[in-house]
């Protein structure tokens, strides 16, 4: 697990240094995988329909319900690697 955690932390740092900003769908995927890996399943109530950004983030994270932290970390690492030049 510690090796995966190290790779995940490196991927998080790398995601902030990408040469191009990913599109919104990819950013939501990165956000949801990060939250699932670090916080587990989504908590709290779904934001109202006027809170567009918060609601999109909540829905993306809720879509990963039940995914293990290890799987979320690996998917995050793989996604960041695919975004690198």
C-alpha atoms as a PDB file:
ATOM      1  CA  UNK A   1       0.000   0.000   0.000  1.00  0.00           C
ATOM      2  CA  UNK A   2       2.786   2.449   0.831  1.00  0.00           C
ATOM      3  CA  UNK A   3       4.237   2.154  -2.699  1.00  0.00           C
ATOM      4  CA  UNK A   4       0.801   2.881  -4.187  1.00  0.00           C
ATOM      5  CA  UNK A   5       0.371   5.821  -1.796  1.00  0.00           C
ATOM      6  CA  UNK A   6       3.751   7.223  -2.886  1.00  0.00           C
ATOM      7  CA  UNK A   7       2.806   6.861  -6.572  1.00  0.00           C
ATOM      8  CA  UNK A   8      -0.554   8.518  -5.830  1.00  0.00           C
ATOM      9  CA  UNK A   9       1.094  11.473  -4.067  1.00  0.00           C
ATOM     10  CA  UNK A  10       3.485  11.852  -7.017  1.00  0.00           C
ATOM     11  CA  UNK A  11       0.538  11.778  -9.444  1.00  0.00           C
ATOM     12  CA  UNK A  12      -1.261  14.453  -7.404  1.00  0.00           C
ATOM     13  CA  UNK A  13       1.820  16.683  -7.633  1.00  0.00           C
ATOM     14  CA  UNK A  14       2.188  15.907 -11.349  1.00  0.00           C
ATOM     15  CA  UNK A  15      -1.463  16.778 -12.004  1.00  0.00           C
ATOM     16  CA  UNK A  16      -0.710  20.349 -10.929  1.00  0.00           C
ATOM     17  CA  UNK A  17       2.151  20.600 -13.447  1.00  0.00           C
ATOM     18  CA  UNK A  18       0.424  19.406 -16.621  1.00  0.00           C
ATOM     19  CA  UNK A  19       1.346  21.435 -19.690  1.00  0.00           C
ATOM     20  CA  UNK A  20      -2.314  21.793 -20.698  1.00  0.00           C
ATOM     21  CA  UNK A  21      -5.365  22.185 -18.494  1.00  0.00           C
ATOM     22  CA  UNK A  22      -7.613  19.122 -18.893  1.00  0.00           C
ATOM     23  CA  UNK A  23     -11.198  19.570 -20.053  1.00  0.00           C
ATOM     24  CA  UNK A  24     -13.968  19.850 -17.465  1.00  0.00           C
ATOM     25  CA  UNK A  25     -15.000  16.197 -17.715  1.00  0.00           C
ATOM     26  CA  UNK A  26     -11.426  15.084 -17.027  1.00  0.00           C
ATOM     27  CA  UNK A  27     -11.105  17.546 -14.148  1.00  0.00           C
ATOM     28  CA  UNK A  28     -14.280  16.110 -12.609  1.00  0.00           C
ATOM     29  CA  UNK A  29     -12.873  12.595 -12.984  1.00  0.00           C
ATOM     30  CA  UNK A  30      -9.621  13.632 -11.297  1.00  0.00           C
ATOM     31  CA  UNK A  31     -11.558  15.318  -8.493  1.00  0.00           C
ATOM     32  CA  UNK A  32     -13.860  12.363  -7.892  1.00  0.00           C
ATOM     33  CA  UNK A  33     -11.022   9.816  -7.920  1.00  0.00           C
ATOM     34  CA  UNK A  34      -8.990  11.975  -5.526  1.00  0.00           C
ATOM     35  CA  UNK A  35     -11.902  12.355  -3.116  1.00  0.00           C
ATOM     36  CA  UNK A  36     -12.730   8.629  -3.272  1.00  0.00           C
ATOM     37  CA  UNK A  37      -9.080   7.736  -2.632  1.00  0.00           C
ATOM     38  CA  UNK A  38      -8.649  10.139   0.275  1.00  0.00           C
ATOM     39  CA  UNK A  39     -12.108  10.402   1.875  1.00  0.00           C
ATOM     40  CA  UNK A  40     -13.999   7.275   0.781  1.00  0.00           C
ATOM     41  CA  UNK A  41     -17.650   7.329  -0.231  1.00  0.00           C
ATOM     42  CA  UNK A  42     -19.372  10.689  -0.648  1.00  0.00           C
ATOM     43  CA  UNK A  43     -20.911  12.204   2.479  1.00  0.00           C
ATOM     44  CA  UNK A  44     -23.605  14.792   3.030  1.00  0.00           C
ATOM     45  CA  UNK A  45     -26.564  15.844   0.972  1.00  0.00           C
ATOM     46  CA  UNK A  46     -26.549  16.652  -2.719  1.00  0.00           C
ATOM     47  CA  UNK A  47     -26.208  20.397  -3.428  1.00  0.00           C
ATOM     48  CA  UNK A  48     -29.198  22.228  -4.872  1.00  0.00           C
ATOM     49  CA  UNK A  49     -29.741  22.645  -8.589  1.00  0.00           C
ATOM     50  CA  UNK A  50     -28.474  26.234  -8.568  1.00  0.00           C
ATOM     51  CA  UNK A  51     -25.048  25.155  -7.255  1.00  0.00           C
ATOM     52  CA  UNK A  52     -23.928  23.811 -10.619  1.00  0.00           C
ATOM     53  CA  UNK A  53     -20.237  23.210  -9.900  1.00  0.00           C
ATOM     54  CA  UNK A  54     -20.759  21.734  -6.437  1.00  0.00           C
ATOM     55  CA  UNK A  55     -23.533  19.494  -7.734  1.00  0.00           C
ATOM     56  CA  UNK A  56     -21.379  18.231 -10.631  1.00  0.00           C
ATOM     57  CA  UNK A  57     -18.535  17.449  -8.221  1.00  0.00           C
ATOM     58  CA  UNK A  58     -20.898  15.673  -5.830  1.00  0.00           C
ATOM     59  CA  UNK A  59     -22.448  13.613  -8.635  1.00  0.00           C
ATOM     60  CA  UNK A  60     -19.043  12.622 -10.041  1.00  0.00           C
ATOM     61  CA  UNK A  61     -17.860  11.523  -6.597  1.00  0.00           C
ATOM     62  CA  UNK A  62     -21.138   9.728  -5.825  1.00  0.00           C
ATOM     63  CA  UNK A  63     -20.666   7.771  -9.064  1.00  0.00           C
ATOM     64  CA  UNK A  64     -17.654   6.069  -7.480  1.00  0.00           C
ATOM     65  CA  UNK A  65     -19.590   4.862  -4.425  1.00  0.00           C
ATOM     66  CA  UNK A  66     -18.142   1.593  -3.162  1.00  0.00           C
ATOM     67  CA  UNK A  67     -14.826   1.864  -5.025  1.00  0.00           C
ATOM     68  CA  UNK A  68     -11.867   1.007  -2.801  1.00  0.00           C
ATOM     69  CA  UNK A  69      -9.266   3.657  -1.990  1.00  0.00           C
ATOM     70  CA  UNK A  70      -6.613   1.514  -3.688  1.00  0.00           C
ATOM     71  CA  UNK A  71      -8.599   1.244  -6.927  1.00  0.00           C
ATOM     72  CA  UNK A  72      -9.301   4.986  -6.892  1.00  0.00           C
ATOM     73  CA  UNK A  73      -5.601   5.731  -6.352  1.00  0.00           C
ATOM     74  CA  UNK A  74      -4.590   3.458  -9.225  1.00  0.00           C
ATOM     75  CA  UNK A  75      -7.200   4.958 -11.569  1.00  0.00           C
ATOM     76  CA  UNK A  76      -6.029   8.463 -10.609  1.00  0.00           C
ATOM     77  CA  UNK A  77      -2.386   7.531 -11.285  1.00  0.00           C
ATOM     78  CA  UNK A  78      -3.318   6.007 -14.656  1.00  0.00           C
ATOM     79  CA  UNK A  79      -5.377   9.056 -15.658  1.00  0.00           C
ATOM     80  CA  UNK A  80      -2.614  11.524 -14.758  1.00  0.00           C
ATOM     81  CA  UNK A  81      -0.076   9.412 -16.681  1.00  0.00           C
ATOM     82  CA  UNK A  82      -2.350   9.485 -19.738  1.00  0.00           C
ATOM     83  CA  UNK A  83      -2.521  13.304 -19.544  1.00  0.00           C
ATOM     84  CA  UNK A  84       1.237  13.820 -19.524  1.00  0.00           C
ATOM     85  CA  UNK A  85       2.985  14.795 -22.752  1.00  0.00           C
END
